[in-house]
Every structure is written in structure tokens, then in C-alpha cells.
Amino acid sequence: ETHLAYYFIGFDPSESRVRRAAEALQNAEKLGAEISELMRMRGFMLYWGKRDLAAAAQAFEQAARGMPNSADAHYNHALVLRRAGEVKRAIEGFERAYQLDPRNPRIARETAFTLEMVRDYAGALRVFEVQQRAAPSDPDLQTHVVVTRLCLDGDVDRAVAALAAMPADSEGIVGGWRAWLEAWRGRPAEALAWIPPMRAREGIELAEELLHQCRVRQAIDDPAWRPLAERAREALQPQVQDANMGAAYPLMMLAMLEAMLGATDEALRHADRAVELRPASRDAVLGAALAGALLIRREPGRLFVFAYAGETERFFAEFARLINWPSSIDPVIMRHDPCFAGLRRDPRFESILGTARSPIG
């Protein structure tokens, strides 16, 4: 499972990972592993190793029938259904897994994330709040409660007040969100004060931290954003050398940075390539996020690139196409993010947002 996860996510996209996973699966078969558990592992081979979502869904469904009280079996089936775009069935599977193991934070969070994908923020908030009471010192969970409520009510001041009541954490999660929302409110001193210190040293993690800083600083007209953007662009170069599916996310980050820096042609080329590598038709989770604009997990999306690059007509065409795709657009971010400030003056902006369904389905 670990070998396949590294391969699927793109940390190590070499075929040797798939071969090693296949050897481990064969060894389990030789040792006489329980048939339903073997079927679950075959599901991972088909899902993460072969990217055959239909066959993987069948394998996971068979495993769940053989282990009807296994939360993991239902959870795995729901994961592949969600990736295949069958979000309604996926939610049913996640909720079944959650009922079987309500104390499992991984299952609970994926249940809530999937509800967010269809803009059922109230349902997601209920799940998060249960977990919040079980883990009151988890800053990631605490901020998810705040930001999910923000998606529900659009009250930025209330969200900032809730973050202000939380203690600072070593990972900078609370500070990062507060800095961003203070920038939304046009309060530069407070935004700068809450930007967390850099923690990562290289690669995608460094680029993510730098991109967040760049966007906060640019939003408050702090010129320090530009050298940070250049540094982030440099950190991403080794991550996008090979055009595999794992490169889609860093490519979109690179595209955002290039658009911010004025390298429009390169930005559009890289954004389009990222969407080609992870199209929503083959990956209904990351593919839709790359095409759109998300608040909850802050994935970079092509709508941001179009906005930064001044591609107004492409922006509105894509905005209208994606507005009711699960996973791709949070209305709150569209109404508040400074990136879209100029576009909000166009009457098409509110017209398209007016068609947004909550929940989608």
C-alpha cells in the first residue's frame, strides 16, 4: 500500500514502485492472506498502480461485501468512487465507514472533505465539530471548523475572531489562515504580523509556504512578495522536469507564480499542461481542483492563473463551465479573494455565481 501511495501521489512515479507492490501482494497470497483483505489490496493495485478506477471500484466493493463491518473496506471503496466522480455514492460509503468507526479521524475528515466538494458545508461542519471535541488541541482541525463555517456564512470578521481566540501553533496553521483573512480585510499590519515563519527548506513544501506568503504580501501591496515568488519558482523547477501525473500540482503552482510575475505565456502553458495531466474526467478530486478555485485546502487552480494573467474571456468561460462541478469552486473565495477583485466588477461574475448550487447534486 505504501509503495502504491508513493507512485500514485507522484513522490516516486517509477515503475519499480508498482513492481515492488506486486511482489508484496504475491507474497501475501502465498502466505494465505484472508480473501477479502487480498481483494482490498488488489483494489489498491488497480486504483493507485493501474489507475483503472472501474475495476478498482469492483474490487473494493467485493472486499466490502466480504467484510461488511470493516470501516476500511467501505472507506477504500468510497475513495475510488470519489476519484471516479461518483460523489453521491462516495458520500454514502464514507458515511457508512464513519458510522462503523466514528473515532477514526482519517475517515471523519475525508467524509467532511467530500461533503465540502458538493458544498454541503453544514454537513461537513457537523462532522468536523464532533472531531473538534475529541481533539481540541489539533490546530489543523480547529482551523477546518473555522474555515468551513466561513464557507457556510461568508462572515470573514467572525472567522478572524475565532482564529484570534486560538493559541499559535508550531506549524503556523492558525497564523497562516489569519494572515490570509486579514489581507482579505485590507489590514496590512495585521496580515504581516501573522505570516508564519518559514519551516520547509526545499521542494514542493517550500514552494507552498512561499506561494502563500507571496499571495498575502501581494494582496497588501508589500513589494517583498516578488523576490519570494522568484525563489518559489526556482524551488519548483526540479519538480516539473518529468511530465507525469505527479507533476500536475507543482506545475499549477508554477503557473500561478509565473502569472503573478508577469510571465503570462509560460503561466498559461504550464496551467494548461497541469490540467491535461490531471483532467477532471480522470481525476474528479485533484483534476477539478486544478481547474477551479478552492478555499478549504487552498489548492492552486487555473481560474487563479487566468485572473492573474488578465485572461478575462477564458476566465469567464471556465468559471461558467465549472460553477457546479463538485470540488472546483467555493463561492466565498470568489467573492473575497483579492485575485478576483477586478473581475468582480464585470456583471458576468455575480450572474455566474448566482447559479451556484449548495449543495451540488
Protein backbone atom coordinates (compact mmCIF):
# COMPACT_ATOMS: atom_id res chain seq x y z
CA GLU A 1 0.00 0.00 0.00
CA THR A 2 2.87 2.35 0.81
CA HIS A 3 4.68 1.64 -2.47
CA LEU A 4 1.49 2.32 -4.42
CA ALA A 5 0.76 5.52 -2.50
CA TYR A 6 4.21 6.92 -3.37
CA TYR A 7 3.64 6.00 -7.01
CA PHE A 8 0.10 7.38 -7.27
CA ILE A 9 0.72 10.68 -5.49
CA GLY A 10 3.84 11.22 -7.59
CA PHE A 11 6.53 11.24 -4.90
CA ASP A 12 8.16 8.34 -6.77
CA PRO A 13 6.50 7.73 -10.15
CA SER A 14 8.95 4.97 -11.17
CA GLU A 15 7.50 1.62 -12.27
CA SER A 16 9.72 -0.09 -9.69
CA ARG A 17 7.24 1.01 -7.02
CA VAL A 18 4.44 -0.89 -8.78
CA ARG A 19 6.64 -3.97 -9.19
CA ARG A 20 7.55 -3.97 -5.51
CA ALA A 21 3.88 -3.62 -4.55
CA ALA A 22 3.00 -6.53 -6.86
CA GLU A 23 5.68 -8.68 -5.20
CA ALA A 24 4.28 -7.84 -1.75
CA LEU A 25 0.78 -8.77 -2.93
CA GLN A 26 2.04 -12.09 -4.34
CA ASN A 27 3.78 -12.86 -1.04
CA ALA A 28 0.54 -12.19 0.83
CA GLU A 29 -1.29 -14.59 -1.48
CA LYS A 30 1.35 -17.29 -0.89
CA LEU A 31 1.03 -16.85 2.86
CA GLY A 32 -2.71 -17.44 2.61
CA ALA A 33 -3.99 -13.98 3.48
CA GLU A 34 -7.74 -13.70 4.02
CA ILE A 35 -9.50 -13.44 0.64
CA SER A 36 -11.45 -10.24 1.35
CA GLU A 37 -8.34 -8.46 2.58
CA LEU A 38 -6.48 -9.65 -0.53
CA MET A 39 -9.27 -8.24 -2.66
CA ARG A 40 -8.88 -4.91 -0.88
CA MET A 41 -5.16 -4.89 -1.71
CA ARG A 42 -5.93 -5.83 -5.33
CA GLY A 43 -8.19 -2.79 -5.34
CA PHE A 44 -5.24 -0.60 -4.42
CA MET A 45 -3.16 -2.18 -7.19
CA LEU A 46 -5.88 -1.37 -9.71
CA TYR A 47 -6.54 2.11 -8.26
CA TRP A 48 -3.11 3.50 -7.43
CA GLY A 49 -0.97 1.21 -9.57
CA LYS A 50 -3.00 0.83 -12.78
CA ARG A 51 -5.35 3.81 -12.43
CA ASP A 52 -8.24 1.61 -13.56
CA LEU A 53 -10.97 3.21 -11.48
CA ALA A 54 -13.83 1.00 -12.70
CA ALA A 55 -12.00 -2.27 -11.96
CA ALA A 56 -10.73 -0.91 -8.63
CA ALA A 57 -14.26 0.04 -7.59
CA GLN A 58 -15.43 -3.52 -8.31
CA ALA A 59 -12.57 -4.98 -6.25
CA PHE A 60 -13.23 -2.68 -3.29
CA GLU A 61 -16.97 -3.36 -3.49
CA GLN A 62 -16.29 -7.10 -3.36
CA ALA A 63 -14.00 -6.60 -0.37
CA ALA A 64 -16.69 -4.58 1.40
CA ARG A 65 -19.26 -7.33 0.78
CA GLY A 66 -16.86 -9.86 2.30
CA MET A 67 -16.10 -7.57 5.27
CA PRO A 68 -19.39 -5.70 5.82
CA ASN A 69 -18.29 -4.46 9.25
CA SER A 70 -14.88 -3.25 8.09
CA ALA A 71 -14.75 0.54 8.10
CA ASP A 72 -11.58 0.44 5.98
CA ALA A 73 -13.26 -1.63 3.25
CA HIS A 74 -16.13 0.85 2.89
CA TYR A 75 -13.72 3.78 3.17
CA ASN A 76 -11.48 2.45 0.37
CA HIS A 77 -14.49 1.86 -1.87
CA ALA A 78 -15.66 5.42 -1.22
CA LEU A 79 -12.23 6.83 -2.06
CA VAL A 80 -12.17 5.31 -5.53
CA LEU A 81 -15.81 6.25 -6.19
CA ARG A 82 -14.97 9.86 -5.30
CA ARG A 83 -11.94 9.84 -7.60
CA ALA A 84 -14.16 8.49 -10.41
CA GLY A 85 -16.65 11.33 -9.91
CA GLU A 86 -19.42 9.23 -8.34
CA VAL A 87 -19.62 11.64 -5.44
CA LYS A 88 -23.13 10.74 -4.23
CA ARG A 89 -22.21 7.03 -3.89
CA ALA A 90 -18.88 8.05 -2.36
CA ILE A 91 -20.63 10.06 0.36
CA GLU A 92 -22.83 7.06 1.17
CA GLY A 93 -19.68 4.92 1.52
CA PHE A 94 -17.86 7.45 3.67
CA GLU A 95 -20.88 7.82 5.93
CA ARG A 96 -21.12 4.02 6.31
CA ALA A 97 -17.41 3.87 7.22
CA TYR A 98 -17.87 6.78 9.62
CA GLN A 99 -20.78 5.00 11.34
CA LEU A 100 -18.63 1.90 11.79
CA ASP A 101 -15.63 3.81 13.15
CA PRO A 102 -16.65 7.32 14.28
CA ARG A 103 -13.44 7.78 16.27
CA ASN A 104 -11.23 7.36 13.21
CA PRO A 105 -10.04 10.91 12.33
CA ARG A 106 -8.92 9.91 8.82
CA ILE A 107 -12.38 8.60 7.89
CA ALA A 108 -14.12 11.55 9.54
CA ARG A 109 -12.04 14.13 7.71
CA GLU A 110 -12.44 12.51 4.31
CA THR A 111 -16.19 12.32 4.94
CA ALA A 112 -16.23 16.05 5.69
CA PHE A 113 -13.97 16.90 2.75
CA THR A 114 -16.29 15.04 0.40
CA LEU A 115 -19.32 16.88 1.74
CA GLU A 116 -17.42 20.12 1.07
CA MET A 117 -16.86 19.01 -2.52
CA VAL A 118 -20.62 19.25 -3.09
CA ARG A 119 -20.89 22.43 -0.98
CA ASP A 120 -22.71 20.69 1.86
CA TYR A 121 -20.83 22.87 4.30
CA ALA A 122 -23.40 22.34 7.05
CA GLY A 123 -22.94 18.56 6.87
CA ALA A 124 -19.15 18.89 6.79
CA LEU A 125 -19.24 21.25 9.76
CA ARG A 126 -21.22 18.74 11.84
CA VAL A 127 -18.56 16.08 11.23
CA PHE A 128 -15.69 18.47 11.94
CA GLU A 129 -17.28 19.70 15.17
CA VAL A 130 -17.56 16.15 16.51
CA GLN A 131 -13.88 15.63 15.79
CA GLN A 132 -13.06 19.02 17.25
CA ARG A 133 -14.47 18.00 20.61
CA ALA A 134 -12.38 14.81 20.51
CA ALA A 135 -9.16 16.65 19.58
CA PRO A 136 -9.43 20.21 20.92
CA SER A 137 -5.70 20.90 20.59
CA ASP A 138 -5.36 19.93 16.91
CA PRO A 139 -4.78 23.26 15.08
CA ASP A 140 -5.46 21.79 11.63
CA LEU A 141 -8.85 20.51 12.75
CA GLN A 142 -9.66 23.72 14.62
CA THR A 143 -8.99 25.84 11.55
CA HIS A 144 -11.03 23.50 9.36
CA VAL A 145 -14.02 24.20 11.63
CA VAL A 146 -13.48 27.95 11.26
CA VAL A 147 -12.97 27.92 7.50
CA THR A 148 -15.86 25.53 6.83
CA ARG A 149 -18.13 27.84 8.82
CA LEU A 150 -16.77 30.72 6.76
CA CYS A 151 -17.80 28.86 3.59
CA LEU A 152 -21.26 28.49 5.10
CA ASP A 153 -21.89 32.04 6.31
CA GLY A 154 -19.31 34.17 4.45
CA ASP A 155 -18.55 36.12 7.64
CA VAL A 156 -14.83 36.94 7.44
CA ASP A 157 -14.85 39.03 10.64
CA ARG A 158 -16.32 36.12 12.60
CA ALA A 159 -13.68 33.78 11.19
CA VAL A 160 -10.85 36.12 12.18
CA ALA A 161 -12.28 36.46 15.69
CA ALA A 162 -12.40 32.67 16.02
CA LEU A 163 -8.79 32.36 14.86
CA ALA A 164 -7.74 35.14 17.27
CA ALA A 165 -9.09 33.05 20.15
CA MET A 166 -6.82 30.12 19.26
CA PRO A 167 -3.26 29.73 20.52
CA ALA A 168 -0.45 29.95 17.97
CA ASP A 169 0.84 26.57 16.82
CA SER A 170 4.34 25.46 15.87
CA GLU A 171 3.32 24.64 12.30
CA GLY A 172 1.89 28.10 11.64
CA ILE A 173 -1.55 26.79 10.61
CA VAL A 174 -3.58 29.29 12.64
CA GLY A 175 -1.24 32.16 11.79
CA GLY A 176 -1.28 31.33 8.10
CA TRP A 177 -5.06 31.45 7.89
CA ARG A 178 -5.28 34.60 10.00
CA ALA A 179 -2.69 36.37 7.81
CA TRP A 180 -4.66 35.50 4.70
CA LEU A 181 -8.02 36.61 6.08
CA GLU A 182 -6.52 39.83 7.45
CA ALA A 183 -5.28 40.51 3.92
CA TRP A 184 -8.83 39.94 2.67
CA ARG A 185 -9.99 42.57 5.16
CA GLY A 186 -7.38 45.06 3.90
CA ARG A 187 -5.41 45.15 7.17
CA PRO A 188 -1.74 45.01 6.10
CA ALA A 189 -0.12 45.38 9.53
CA GLU A 190 -2.13 42.51 11.00
CA ALA A 191 -1.56 40.35 7.92
CA LEU A 192 2.21 40.82 8.10
CA ALA A 193 2.23 40.18 11.84
CA TRP A 194 0.57 36.78 11.40
CA ILE A 195 2.56 35.41 8.47
CA PRO A 196 4.16 32.29 9.98
CA PRO A 197 7.94 31.78 9.80
CA MET A 198 9.27 29.55 7.03
CA ARG A 199 9.60 25.90 8.03
CA ALA A 200 10.30 23.96 4.82
CA ARG A 201 13.76 24.02 3.23
CA GLU A 202 13.21 22.75 -0.29
CA GLY A 203 10.87 21.34 -2.92
CA ILE A 204 7.10 21.49 -3.05
CA GLU A 205 6.71 22.19 0.67
CA LEU A 206 8.98 25.25 0.43
CA ALA A 207 7.14 26.46 -2.67
CA GLU A 208 3.76 26.09 -0.92
CA GLU A 209 4.90 28.23 2.01
CA LEU A 210 6.44 30.83 -0.28
CA LEU A 211 3.36 30.98 -2.52
CA HIS A 212 1.15 31.60 0.50
CA GLN A 213 3.44 34.41 1.66
CA CYS A 214 3.56 35.87 -1.85
CA ARG A 215 -0.22 36.00 -2.14
CA VAL A 216 -0.65 37.60 1.29
CA ARG A 217 2.07 40.17 0.63
CA GLN A 218 0.87 40.99 -2.87
CA ALA A 219 -2.68 41.47 -1.58
CA ILE A 220 -1.46 44.16 0.85
CA ASP A 221 0.93 45.77 -1.68
CA ASP A 222 4.09 44.65 0.11
CA PRO A 223 6.88 44.62 -2.55
CA ALA A 224 8.66 41.80 -0.71
CA TRP A 225 6.36 39.35 -2.49
CA ARG A 226 8.33 39.45 -5.74
CA PRO A 227 11.70 38.04 -4.56
CA LEU A 228 9.79 35.36 -2.64
CA ALA A 229 7.93 34.44 -5.84
CA GLU A 230 11.22 34.15 -7.71
CA ARG A 231 12.58 31.88 -5.02
CA ALA A 232 9.45 29.71 -5.11
CA ARG A 233 9.65 29.43 -8.90
CA GLU A 234 13.24 28.24 -8.59
CA ALA A 235 12.29 25.66 -5.94
CA LEU A 236 9.67 24.18 -8.27
CA GLN A 237 11.87 23.69 -11.31
CA PRO A 238 13.16 20.21 -10.33
CA GLN A 239 9.61 19.12 -9.52
CA VAL A 240 8.28 19.70 -13.04
CA GLN A 241 11.07 18.22 -15.16
CA ASP A 242 9.20 14.99 -15.84
CA ALA A 243 5.75 15.40 -17.37
CA ASN A 244 3.95 12.75 -15.28
CA MET A 245 0.69 12.95 -13.36
CA GLY A 246 2.56 13.76 -10.16
CA ALA A 247 3.88 16.95 -11.76
CA ALA A 248 0.40 18.46 -12.26
CA TYR A 249 0.16 20.09 -8.82
CA PRO A 250 3.64 21.70 -8.84
CA LEU A 251 3.04 22.78 -12.46
CA MET A 252 -0.08 24.68 -11.40
CA MET A 253 1.80 26.32 -8.53
CA LEU A 254 4.49 27.33 -11.01
CA ALA A 255 1.84 28.71 -13.36
CA MET A 256 0.36 30.86 -10.58
CA LEU A 257 3.77 32.27 -9.70
CA GLU A 258 4.59 32.99 -13.33
CA ALA A 259 1.25 34.76 -13.82
CA MET A 260 1.89 36.87 -10.73
CA LEU A 261 5.36 37.75 -12.04
CA GLY A 262 4.03 38.72 -15.47
CA ALA A 263 5.35 35.71 -17.41
CA THR A 264 1.92 35.23 -18.99
CA ASP A 265 2.76 32.89 -21.86
CA GLU A 266 4.67 30.48 -19.63
CA ALA A 267 1.94 30.64 -16.99
CA LEU A 268 -0.83 29.73 -19.41
CA ARG A 269 1.21 26.95 -21.00
CA HIS A 270 2.02 25.38 -17.63
CA ALA A 271 -1.55 25.76 -16.32
CA ASP A 272 -2.97 24.08 -19.41
CA ARG A 273 -0.41 21.30 -19.15
CA ALA A 274 -1.29 20.68 -15.48
CA VAL A 275 -4.97 20.27 -16.39
CA GLU A 276 -4.01 17.93 -19.26
CA LEU A 277 -2.01 15.74 -16.87
CA ARG A 278 -4.84 15.54 -14.31
CA PRO A 279 -8.11 16.12 -16.20
CA ALA A 280 -11.24 16.08 -14.06
CA SER A 281 -12.62 13.35 -16.33
CA ARG A 282 -9.90 11.02 -14.98
CA ASP A 283 -9.43 12.52 -11.52
CA ALA A 284 -12.57 14.11 -10.11
CA VAL A 285 -10.74 15.31 -6.99
CA LEU A 286 -7.43 16.93 -7.91
CA GLY A 287 -8.43 17.41 -11.54
CA ALA A 288 -11.41 19.57 -10.63
CA ALA A 289 -9.37 21.47 -8.05
CA LEU A 290 -6.64 22.24 -10.58
CA ALA A 291 -9.24 23.55 -12.99
CA GLY A 292 -11.02 25.70 -10.41
CA ALA A 293 -10.51 27.62 -7.17
CA LEU A 294 -10.81 26.08 -3.69
CA LEU A 295 -10.81 27.71 -0.29
CA ILE A 296 -10.70 24.77 2.09
CA ARG A 297 -7.42 23.18 1.08
CA ARG A 298 -6.09 26.12 -0.95
CA GLU A 299 -5.01 24.08 -3.99
CA PRO A 300 -3.91 26.34 -6.83
CA GLY A 301 -6.30 26.31 -9.78
CA ARG A 302 -6.34 27.56 -13.35
CA LEU A 303 -9.01 30.19 -12.59
CA PHE A 304 -6.39 31.96 -10.47
CA VAL A 305 -3.92 31.85 -13.36
CA PHE A 306 -6.47 33.31 -15.77
CA ALA A 307 -7.23 36.08 -13.28
CA TYR A 308 -3.60 36.97 -12.60
CA ALA A 309 -2.77 36.78 -16.32
CA GLY A 310 -5.65 39.05 -17.36
CA GLU A 311 -7.29 36.32 -19.46
CA THR A 312 -10.80 37.66 -18.86
CA GLU A 313 -12.70 35.77 -21.54
CA ARG A 314 -11.05 32.44 -20.73
CA PHE A 315 -11.75 33.08 -17.05
CA PHE A 316 -15.49 33.62 -17.53
CA ALA A 317 -15.88 30.72 -19.94
CA GLU A 318 -14.20 28.35 -17.47
CA PHE A 319 -15.96 29.88 -14.47
CA ALA A 320 -19.37 29.23 -16.07
CA ARG A 321 -18.37 25.68 -17.02
CA LEU A 322 -17.08 24.73 -13.58
CA ILE A 323 -19.54 26.51 -11.30
CA ASN A 324 -21.44 23.36 -10.31
CA TRP A 325 -18.71 20.75 -10.66
CA PRO A 326 -18.06 19.02 -7.33
CA SER A 327 -14.72 20.07 -5.83
CA SER A 328 -13.86 23.00 -8.04
CA ILE A 329 -15.22 26.31 -6.71
CA ASP A 330 -16.05 27.79 -3.31
CA PRO A 331 -18.25 30.90 -3.74
CA VAL A 332 -16.72 32.55 -0.65
CA ILE A 333 -13.26 32.60 -2.15
CA MET A 334 -14.58 34.06 -5.39
CA ARG A 335 -16.29 36.90 -3.53
CA HIS A 336 -13.37 37.77 -1.24
CA ASP A 337 -10.02 36.75 -2.72
CA PRO A 338 -8.15 39.89 -3.92
CA CYS A 339 -7.04 37.97 -7.01
CA PHE A 340 -10.56 38.27 -8.41
CA ALA A 341 -11.19 41.90 -7.39
CA GLY A 342 -11.06 43.31 -10.93
CA LEU A 343 -13.23 40.56 -12.35
CA ARG A 344 -15.93 41.11 -9.73
CA ARG A 345 -16.75 44.44 -11.44
CA ASP A 346 -17.92 42.54 -14.52
CA PRO A 347 -21.69 41.76 -14.31
CA ARG A 348 -20.98 38.22 -15.53
CA PHE A 349 -19.24 37.48 -12.24
CA GLU A 350 -22.30 37.69 -9.98
CA SER A 351 -24.51 36.28 -12.72
CA ILE A 352 -22.47 33.06 -12.79
CA LEU A 353 -22.15 32.89 -9.01
CA GLY A 354 -25.93 33.23 -8.81
CA THR A 355 -26.25 29.81 -10.47
CA ALA A 356 -24.09 28.09 -7.83
CA ARG A 357 -25.96 25.29 -6.07
CA SER A 358 -25.44 24.49 -2.39
CA PRO A 359 -25.28 21.58 -2.08
CA ILE A 360 -24.42 20.36 -5.57
CA GLY A 361 -26.22 17.19 -6.52
